[in-house]
Every structure is written in C-alpha cells, then in structure tokens.
C-alpha cells in the first residue's frame, strides 16, 4: 500500500512538473512571436559570444567588434 501511494504521488508530481514546463515553453514561444528579428537572433546566440563582444568592444574603445568582420 505504501509503495502504491509513493508511485501515485510521484506520478502526480511528474505530471504537474511537465505541465508547468509545457506552459513555460508555450509562453516563451508566444514572446518570441512578438519580437523583432534582431531580438530573436540575440536570444539564440550564446552568452559567451555576447560577453566576448562586450569585452572586445571595451578593448577597442567602444567599437562594435562585429563591424570589423566585414561581410
């Protein structure tokens, strides 16, 4: 009997957790639909890239490092 309660409790917890994850994912998708193309690209880039750009820009005196890459 104890085992059955634990399994039932774990199953209920898992379903709640998955429902919360799905809701958060849907919310993020809705937010992305209202973003500009530049905003969507920014959030999909890595954090390391943004940090490197900021540090390089500071080193170059505020110049955007992407400008130096050309086409």
PDB file of N, CA and C in Angstrom:
ATOM      1  N   UNK A   1       0.832  -1.197   0.000  1.00  0.00           N
ATOM      2  CA  UNK A   1       0.000   0.000   0.000  1.00  0.00           C
ATOM      3  C   UNK A   1       0.871   1.253   0.000  1.00  0.00           C
ATOM      4  N   UNK A   2       1.933   1.261   0.807  1.00  0.00           N
ATOM      5  CA  UNK A   2       2.815   2.427   0.848  1.00  0.00           C
ATOM      6  C   UNK A   2       3.442   2.688  -0.516  1.00  0.00           C
ATOM      7  N   UNK A   3       3.885   1.616  -1.145  1.00  0.00           N
ATOM      8  CA  UNK A   3       4.526   1.718  -2.450  1.00  0.00           C
ATOM      9  C   UNK A   3       3.571   2.338  -3.471  1.00  0.00           C
ATOM     10  N   UNK A   4       2.333   1.917  -3.449  1.00  0.00           N
ATOM     11  CA  UNK A   4       1.334   2.438  -4.390  1.00  0.00           C
ATOM     12  C   UNK A   4       1.112   3.930  -4.178  1.00  0.00           C
ATOM     13  N   UNK A   5       1.099   4.378  -2.926  1.00  0.00           N
ATOM     14  CA  UNK A   5       0.939   5.812  -2.638  1.00  0.00           C
ATOM     15  C   UNK A   5       2.125   6.603  -3.159  1.00  0.00           C
ATOM     16  N   UNK A   6       3.322   6.058  -2.951  1.00  0.00           N
ATOM     17  CA  UNK A   6       4.520   6.752  -3.426  1.00  0.00           C
ATOM     18  C   UNK A   6       4.517   6.877  -4.941  1.00  0.00           C
ATOM     19  N   UNK A   7       4.178   5.773  -5.592  1.00  0.00           N
ATOM     20  CA  UNK A   7       4.149   5.796  -7.058  1.00  0.00           C
ATOM     21  C   UNK A   7       3.106   6.787  -7.546  1.00  0.00           C
ATOM     22  N   UNK A   8       1.947   6.776  -6.934  1.00  0.00           N
ATOM     23  CA  UNK A   8       0.880   7.700  -7.315  1.00  0.00           C
ATOM     24  C   UNK A   8       1.304   9.137  -7.054  1.00  0.00           C
ATOM     25  N   UNK A   9       1.936   9.370  -5.920  1.00  0.00           N
ATOM     26  CA  UNK A   9       2.416  10.708  -5.593  1.00  0.00           C
ATOM     27  C   UNK A   9       3.487  11.188  -6.554  1.00  0.00           C
ATOM     28  N   UNK A  10       4.420  10.321  -6.876  1.00  0.00           N
ATOM     29  CA  UNK A  10       5.469  10.679  -7.830  1.00  0.00           C
ATOM     30  C   UNK A  10       4.892  10.933  -9.221  1.00  0.00           C
ATOM     31  N   UNK A  11       3.955  10.117  -9.615  1.00  0.00           N
ATOM     32  CA  UNK A  11       3.332  10.293 -10.931  1.00  0.00           C
ATOM     33  C   UNK A  11       2.601  11.636 -10.991  1.00  0.00           C
ATOM     34  N   UNK A  12       1.882  11.975  -9.936  1.00  0.00           N
ATOM     35  CA  UNK A  12       1.162  13.253  -9.902  1.00  0.00           C
ATOM     36  C   UNK A  12       2.147  14.421  -9.926  1.00  0.00           C
ATOM     37  N   UNK A  13       3.220  14.309  -9.151  1.00  0.00           N
ATOM     38  CA  UNK A  13       4.243  15.363  -9.142  1.00  0.00           C
ATOM     39  C   UNK A  13       4.847  15.518 -10.538  1.00  0.00           C
ATOM     40  N   UNK A  14       5.172  14.403 -11.186  1.00  0.00           N
ATOM     41  CA  UNK A  14       5.778  14.438 -12.521  1.00  0.00           C
ATOM     42  C   UNK A  14       4.837  15.105 -13.529  1.00  0.00           C
ATOM     43  N   UNK A  15       3.569  14.780 -13.476  1.00  0.00           N
ATOM     44  CA  UNK A  15       2.603  15.370 -14.401  1.00  0.00           C
ATOM     45  C   UNK A  15       2.471  16.872 -14.173  1.00  0.00           C
ATOM     46  N   UNK A  16       2.482  17.303 -12.913  1.00  0.00           N
ATOM     47  CA  UNK A  16       2.422  18.733 -12.610  1.00  0.00           C
ATOM     48  C   UNK A  16       3.668  19.443 -13.131  1.00  0.00           C
ATOM     49  N   UNK A  17       4.819  18.830 -12.923  1.00  0.00           N
ATOM     50  CA  UNK A  17       6.081  19.432 -13.350  1.00  0.00           C
ATOM     51  C   UNK A  17       6.121  19.562 -14.874  1.00  0.00           C
ATOM     52  N   UNK A  18       5.709  18.503 -15.593  1.00  0.00           N
ATOM     53  CA  UNK A  18       5.689  18.536 -17.051  1.00  0.00           C
ATOM     54  C   UNK A  18       4.690  19.573 -17.561  1.00  0.00           C
ATOM     55  N   UNK A  19       3.548  19.691 -16.907  1.00  0.00           N
ATOM     56  CA  UNK A  19       2.550  20.685 -17.312  1.00  0.00           C
ATOM     57  C   UNK A  19       3.120  22.092 -17.143  1.00  0.00           C
ATOM     58  N   UNK A  20       3.848  22.315 -16.055  1.00  0.00           N
ATOM     59  CA  UNK A  20       4.468  23.617 -15.828  1.00  0.00           C
ATOM     60  C   UNK A  20       5.521  23.903 -16.898  1.00  0.00           C
ATOM     61  N   UNK A  21       6.320  22.897 -17.247  1.00  0.00           N
ATOM     62  CA  UNK A  21       7.338  23.065 -18.281  1.00  0.00           C
ATOM     63  C   UNK A  21       6.703  23.393 -19.634  1.00  0.00           C
ATOM     64  N   UNK A  22       5.633  22.702 -19.966  1.00  0.00           N
ATOM     65  CA  UNK A  22       4.946  22.961 -21.234  1.00  0.00           C
ATOM     66  C   UNK A  22       4.375  24.374 -21.262  1.00  0.00           C
ATOM     67  N   UNK A  23       3.808  24.810 -20.141  1.00  0.00           N
ATOM     68  CA  UNK A  23       3.238  26.156 -20.072  1.00  0.00           C
ATOM     69  C   UNK A  23       4.326  27.212 -20.247  1.00  0.00           C
ATOM     70  N   UNK A  24       5.475  27.007 -19.611  1.00  0.00           N
ATOM     71  CA  UNK A  24       6.578  27.950 -19.749  1.00  0.00           C
ATOM     72  C   UNK A  24       7.112  27.973 -21.176  1.00  0.00           C
ATOM     73  N   UNK A  25       7.180  26.813 -21.801  1.00  0.00           N
ATOM     74  CA  UNK A  25       7.646  26.730 -23.190  1.00  0.00           C
ATOM     75  C   UNK A  25       6.689  27.458 -24.124  1.00  0.00           C
ATOM     76  N   UNK A  26       5.394  27.267 -23.923  1.00  0.00           N
ATOM     77  CA  UNK A  26       4.394  27.960 -24.740  1.00  0.00           C
ATOM     78  C   UNK A  26       4.502  29.466 -24.558  1.00  0.00           C
ATOM     79  N   UNK A  27       4.737  29.902 -23.316  1.00  0.00           N
ATOM     80  CA  UNK A  27       4.869  31.330 -23.034  1.00  0.00           C
ATOM     81  C   UNK A  27       6.088  31.912 -23.749  1.00  0.00           C
ATOM     82  N   UNK A  28       7.216  31.184 -23.725  1.00  0.00           N
ATOM     83  CA  UNK A  28       8.418  31.652 -24.424  1.00  0.00           C
ATOM     84  C   UNK A  28       8.176  31.748 -25.923  1.00  0.00           C
ATOM     85  N   UNK A  29       7.478  30.768 -26.484  1.00  0.00           N
ATOM     86  CA  UNK A  29       7.173  30.795 -27.915  1.00  0.00           C
ATOM     87  C   UNK A  29       6.301  31.993 -28.262  1.00  0.00           C
ATOM     88  N   UNK A  30       5.314  32.292 -27.411  1.00  0.00           N
ATOM     89  CA  UNK A  30       4.445  33.449 -27.642  1.00  0.00           C
ATOM     90  C   UNK A  30       5.254  34.746 -27.591  1.00  0.00           C
ATOM     91  N   UNK A  31       6.183  34.838 -26.629  1.00  0.00           N
ATOM     92  CA  UNK A  31       7.021  36.033 -26.520  1.00  0.00           C
ATOM     93  C   UNK A  31       7.888  36.204 -27.761  1.00  0.00           C
ATOM     94  N   UNK A  32       8.441  35.101 -28.255  1.00  0.00           N
ATOM     95  CA  UNK A  32       9.308  35.168 -29.429  1.00  0.00           C
ATOM     96  C   UNK A  32       8.554  35.636 -30.665  1.00  0.00           C
ATOM     97  N   UNK A  33       7.281  35.312 -30.775  1.00  0.00           N
ATOM     98  CA  UNK A  33       6.499  35.726 -31.938  1.00  0.00           C
ATOM     99  C   UNK A  33       6.340  37.235 -32.001  1.00  0.00           C
ATOM    100  N   UNK A  34       6.408  37.909 -30.853  1.00  0.00           N
ATOM    101  CA  UNK A  34       6.224  39.357 -30.802  1.00  0.00           C
ATOM    102  C   UNK A  34       7.553  40.109 -30.842  1.00  0.00           C
ATOM    103  N   UNK A  35       8.661  39.389 -30.969  1.00  0.00           N
ATOM    104  CA  UNK A  35       9.981  40.021 -31.006  1.00  0.00           C
ATOM    105  C   UNK A  35      10.379  40.356 -32.436  1.00  0.00           C
ATOM    106  N   UNK A  36      11.265  41.332 -32.552  1.00  0.00           N
ATOM    107  CA  UNK A  36      11.822  41.645 -33.863  1.00  0.00           C
ATOM    108  C   UNK A  36      12.833  40.568 -34.241  1.00  0.00           C
ATOM    109  N   UNK A  37      13.240  40.576 -35.492  1.00  0.00           N
ATOM    110  CA  UNK A  37      14.215  39.582 -35.947  1.00  0.00           C
ATOM    111  C   UNK A  37      15.534  39.712 -35.171  1.00  0.00           C
ATOM    112  N   UNK A  38      15.971  40.944 -34.938  1.00  0.00           N
ATOM    113  CA  UNK A  38      17.223  41.176 -34.205  1.00  0.00           C
ATOM    114  C   UNK A  38      17.137  40.636 -32.780  1.00  0.00           C
ATOM    115  N   UNK A  39      15.989  40.820 -32.134  1.00  0.00           N
ATOM    116  CA  UNK A  39      15.809  40.309 -30.772  1.00  0.00           C
ATOM    117  C   UNK A  39      15.848  38.784 -30.749  1.00  0.00           C
ATOM    118  N   UNK A  40      15.190  38.142 -31.719  1.00  0.00           N
ATOM    119  CA  UNK A  40      15.202  36.683 -31.781  1.00  0.00           C
ATOM    120  C   UNK A  40      16.611  36.153 -32.007  1.00  0.00           C
ATOM    121  N   UNK A  41      17.368  36.791 -32.891  1.00  0.00           N
ATOM    122  CA  UNK A  41      18.745  36.370 -33.135  1.00  0.00           C
ATOM    123  C   UNK A  41      19.594  36.543 -31.883  1.00  0.00           C
ATOM    124  N   UNK A  42      19.379  37.640 -31.163  1.00  0.00           N
ATOM    125  CA  UNK A  42      20.151  37.915 -29.955  1.00  0.00           C
ATOM    126  C   UNK A  42      19.937  36.841 -28.899  1.00  0.00           C
ATOM    127  N   UNK A  43      18.697  36.428 -28.675  1.00  0.00           N
ATOM    128  CA  UNK A  43      18.452  35.447 -27.613  1.00  0.00           C
ATOM    129  C   UNK A  43      18.923  34.054 -27.993  1.00  0.00           C
ATOM    130  N   UNK A  44      19.105  33.795 -29.290  1.00  0.00           N
ATOM    131  CA  UNK A  44      19.558  32.477 -29.708  1.00  0.00           C
ATOM    132  C   UNK A  44      21.081  32.387 -29.810  1.00  0.00           C
ATOM    133  N   UNK A  45      21.765  33.525 -29.691  1.00  0.00           N
ATOM    134  CA  UNK A  45      23.224  33.496 -29.689  1.00  0.00           C
ATOM    135  C   UNK A  45      23.704  33.076 -28.301  1.00  0.00           C
ATOM    136  N   UNK A  46      24.940  32.624 -28.237  1.00  0.00           N
ATOM    137  CA  UNK A  46      25.468  32.155 -26.959  1.00  0.00           C
ATOM    138  C   UNK A  46      25.851  33.327 -26.053  1.00  0.00           C
ATOM    139  N   UNK A  47      25.823  33.077 -24.769  1.00  0.00           N
ATOM    140  CA  UNK A  47      26.215  34.085 -23.778  1.00  0.00           C
ATOM    141  C   UNK A  47      27.689  34.421 -23.942  1.00  0.00           C
ATOM    142  N   UNK A  48      28.489  33.400 -24.264  1.00  0.00           N
ATOM    143  CA  UNK A  48      29.924  33.626 -24.427  1.00  0.00           C
ATOM    144  C   UNK A  48      30.185  34.618 -25.550  1.00  0.00           C
ATOM    145  N   UNK A  49      29.412  34.524 -26.625  1.00  0.00           N
ATOM    146  CA  UNK A  49      29.580  35.451 -27.742  1.00  0.00           C
ATOM    147  C   UNK A  49      29.272  36.875 -27.347  1.00  0.00           C
ATOM    148  N   UNK A  50      28.211  37.075 -26.560  1.00  0.00           N
ATOM    149  CA  UNK A  50      27.857  38.422 -26.108  1.00  0.00           C
ATOM    150  C   UNK A  50      28.926  38.974 -25.171  1.00  0.00           C
ATOM    151  N   UNK A  51      29.437  38.120 -24.304  1.00  0.00           N
ATOM    152  CA  UNK A  51      30.487  38.541 -23.371  1.00  0.00           C
ATOM    153  C   UNK A  51      31.753  38.898 -24.139  1.00  0.00           C
ATOM    154  N   UNK A  52      32.118  38.074 -25.089  1.00  0.00           N
ATOM    155  CA  UNK A  52      33.309  38.348 -25.896  1.00  0.00           C
ATOM    156  C   UNK A  52      33.144  39.650 -26.674  1.00  0.00           C
ATOM    157  N   UNK A  53      31.972  39.900 -27.244  1.00  0.00           N
ATOM    158  CA  UNK A  53      31.732  41.146 -27.967  1.00  0.00           C
ATOM    159  C   UNK A  53      31.868  42.357 -27.050  1.00  0.00           C
ATOM    160  N   UNK A  54      31.322  42.244 -25.839  1.00  0.00           N
ATOM    161  CA  UNK A  54      31.401  43.359 -24.891  1.00  0.00           C
ATOM    162  C   UNK A  54      32.848  43.632 -24.485  1.00  0.00           C
ATOM    163  N   UNK A  55      33.598  42.577 -24.203  1.00  0.00           N
ATOM    164  CA  UNK A  55      34.994  42.759 -23.798  1.00  0.00           C
ATOM    165  C   UNK A  55      35.845  43.284 -24.952  1.00  0.00           C
ATOM    166  N   UNK A  56      35.598  42.778 -26.148  1.00  0.00           N
ATOM    167  CA  UNK A  56      36.352  43.254 -27.312  1.00  0.00           C
ATOM    168  C   UNK A  56      36.003  44.700 -27.607  1.00  0.00           C
ATOM    169  N   UNK A  57      34.737  45.032 -27.505  1.00  0.00           N
ATOM    170  CA  UNK A  57      34.317  46.421 -27.715  1.00  0.00           C
ATOM    171  C   UNK A  57      34.960  47.356 -26.714  1.00  0.00           C
ATOM    172  N   UNK A  58      35.050  46.933 -25.463  1.00  0.00           N
ATOM    173  CA  UNK A  58      35.692  47.759 -24.436  1.00  0.00           C
ATOM    174  C   UNK A  58      37.181  47.909 -24.745  1.00  0.00           C
ATOM    175  N   UNK A  59      37.801  46.844 -25.201  1.00  0.00           N
ATOM    176  CA  UNK A  59      39.228  46.879 -25.534  1.00  0.00           C
ATOM    177  C   UNK A  59      39.496  47.795 -26.735  1.00  0.00           C
ATOM    178  N   UNK A  60      38.563  47.820 -27.672  1.00  0.00           N
ATOM    179  CA  UNK A  60      38.728  48.644 -28.866  1.00  0.00           C
ATOM    180  C   UNK A  60      38.214  50.065 -28.674  1.00  0.00           C
ATOM    181  N   UNK A  61      37.810  50.404 -27.479  1.00  0.00           N
ATOM    182  CA  UNK A  61      37.339  51.756 -27.208  1.00  0.00           C
ATOM    183  C   UNK A  61      35.896  51.992 -27.590  1.00  0.00           C
ATOM    184  N   UNK A  62      35.082  50.962 -27.474  1.00  0.00           N
ATOM    185  CA  UNK A  62      33.654  51.110 -27.732  1.00  0.00           C
ATOM    186  C   UNK A  62      33.236  50.773 -29.148  1.00  0.00           C
ATOM    187  N   UNK A  63      34.165  50.349 -29.991  1.00  0.00           N
ATOM    188  CA  UNK A  63      33.832  49.978 -31.359  1.00  0.00           C
ATOM    189  C   UNK A  63      33.134  48.615 -31.351  1.00  0.00           C
ATOM    190  N   UNK A  64      32.093  48.491 -32.148  1.00  0.00           N
ATOM    191  CA  UNK A  64      31.396  47.218 -32.268  1.00  0.00           C
ATOM    192  C   UNK A  64      32.320  46.230 -32.979  1.00  0.00           C
ATOM    193  N   UNK A  65      32.733  45.141 -32.336  1.00  0.00           N
ATOM    194  CA  UNK A  65      33.675  44.204 -32.960  1.00  0.00           C
ATOM    195  C   UNK A  65      33.117  43.523 -34.202  1.00  0.00           C
ATOM    196  N   UNK A  66      31.810  43.393 -34.315  1.00  0.00           N
ATOM    197  CA  UNK A  66      31.222  42.759 -35.489  1.00  0.00           C
ATOM    198  C   UNK A  66      31.437  43.603 -36.744  1.00  0.00           C
ATOM    199  N   UNK A  67      31.619  44.896 -36.576  1.00  0.00           N
ATOM    200  CA  UNK A  67      31.868  45.793 -37.692  1.00  0.00           C
ATOM    201  C   UNK A  67      33.171  45.443 -38.389  1.00  0.00           C
ATOM    202  N   UNK A  68      34.125  44.895 -37.645  1.00  0.00           N
ATOM    203  CA  UNK A  68      35.439  44.565 -38.186  1.00  0.00           C
ATOM    204  C   UNK A  68      35.443  43.265 -38.987  1.00  0.00           C
ATOM    205  N   UNK A  69      34.388  42.458 -38.847  1.00  0.00           N
ATOM    206  CA  UNK A  69      34.348  41.181 -39.547  1.00  0.00           C
ATOM    207  C   UNK A  69      34.052  41.316 -41.026  1.00  0.00           C
ATOM    208  N   UNK A  70      33.426  42.380 -41.424  1.00  0.00           N
ATOM    209  CA  UNK A  70      33.070  42.554 -42.835  1.00  0.00           C
ATOM    210  C   UNK A  70      31.876  41.705 -43.191  1.00  0.00           C
ATOM    211  N   UNK A  71      31.770  41.347 -44.455  1.00  0.00           N
ATOM    212  CA  UNK A  71      30.639  40.541 -44.923  1.00  0.00           C
ATOM    213  C   UNK A  71      30.909  39.131 -44.562  1.00  0.00           C
TER     214      UNK A  71
END
